[in-house]
Protein backbone atom coordinates (compact mmCIF):
# COMPACT_ATOMS: atom_id res chain seq x y z
CA UNK A 1 0.10 -0.09 -0.01
CA UNK A 2 1.56 3.36 -1.01
CA UNK A 3 0.51 5.85 1.79
CA UNK A 4 0.01 9.37 0.07
CA UNK A 5 2.31 12.54 1.14
CA UNK A 6 0.56 15.21 3.56
CA UNK A 7 0.19 18.59 2.34
CA UNK A 8 0.13 20.54 -0.70
CA UNK A 9 3.06 22.50 -2.52
CA UNK A 10 0.69 25.61 -2.40
CA UNK A 11 2.97 27.77 0.07
CA UNK A 12 0.53 29.24 3.08
CA UNK A 13 -0.63 32.51 2.77
CA UNK A 14 0.20 33.86 6.01
CA UNK A 15 3.81 33.77 5.74
CA UNK A 16 5.76 36.55 5.22
CA UNK A 17 9.64 38.03 4.99
CA UNK A 18 12.29 35.23 5.67
CA UNK A 19 9.35 32.77 6.32
CA UNK A 20 8.49 33.19 3.20
CA UNK A 21 11.72 32.91 1.21
CA UNK A 22 12.33 29.49 3.22
CA UNK A 23 9.19 28.07 2.44
CA UNK A 24 9.92 29.13 -1.23
CA UNK A 25 13.13 27.27 -1.20
CA UNK A 26 11.71 24.12 0.65
CA UNK A 27 9.27 23.87 -1.79
CA UNK A 28 11.93 24.19 -4.71
CA UNK A 29 13.00 20.73 -3.29
CA UNK A 30 9.67 19.04 -2.94
CA UNK A 31 8.26 20.12 0.50
CA UNK A 32 4.89 20.43 1.13
CA UNK A 33 2.60 22.52 3.35
CA UNK A 34 -0.38 22.25 5.42
CA UNK A 35 -2.11 25.36 6.54
CA UNK A 36 -3.66 25.11 10.00
CA UNK A 37 -2.99 27.66 13.32
CA UNK A 38 0.92 27.29 11.80
CA UNK A 39 1.94 26.50 8.87
CA UNK A 40 3.50 22.75 8.86
CA UNK A 41 6.15 22.09 6.26
CA UNK A 42 6.60 18.09 5.30
CA UNK A 43 10.07 16.96 3.74
CA UNK A 44 10.00 14.52 0.92
CA UNK A 45 11.31 11.59 3.17
CA UNK A 46 7.75 11.56 5.10
CA UNK A 47 9.56 11.97 8.29
CA UNK A 48 11.00 15.56 8.63
CA UNK A 49 8.86 18.14 9.62
CA UNK A 50 9.15 21.67 10.41
CA UNK A 51 6.50 24.28 11.89
CA UNK A 52 6.67 27.75 10.24
CA UNK A 53 4.74 30.22 12.48
CA UNK A 54 2.16 32.63 10.63
CA UNK A 55 2.83 35.05 13.31
CA UNK A 56 6.39 34.79 14.09
CA UNK A 57 6.77 36.70 17.95
CA UNK A 58 10.15 34.83 18.27
CA UNK A 59 13.12 34.84 16.00
CA UNK A 60 14.05 31.33 17.27
CA UNK A 61 11.16 30.10 15.17
CA UNK A 62 12.13 31.07 11.99
CA UNK A 63 16.04 29.65 12.92
CA UNK A 64 14.39 26.18 14.20
CA UNK A 65 12.60 26.10 11.08
CA UNK A 66 15.94 26.80 9.02
CA UNK A 67 17.99 24.35 10.93
CA UNK A 68 15.37 21.45 10.53
CA UNK A 69 15.62 22.12 6.61
CA UNK A 70 19.27 22.20 6.49
CA UNK A 71 19.67 19.26 8.76
CA UNK A 72 17.17 17.55 6.04
CA UNK A 73 19.39 19.00 3.04
CA UNK A 74 22.67 17.65 4.88
CA UNK A 75 21.45 14.17 4.94
CA UNK A 76 20.12 14.40 1.39
CA UNK A 77 22.95 15.84 -0.01
CA UNK A 78 21.30 18.97 -1.18
CA UNK A 79 22.52 22.31 -0.69
CA UNK A 80 20.27 24.33 1.36
CA UNK A 81 20.82 27.91 -0.41
CA UNK A 82 19.23 29.41 2.94
């Protein structure tokens, strides 16, 4: 049985600034997004996930999401570019 991936290729409209740039780079390497109270980003491996806050009140939110993306890129042999 093939498991369907979560999310869509559409970037959550609530994102802005650096989070939107990060999401755009994630989409380039086939990450998917799911809108809820926060925007959840799912990696193609089906395991890695990052949360992108729609109303970022703490700079650590962006840094944590970027770090999760960079770790996934390193493990996948992809240049993160962000």
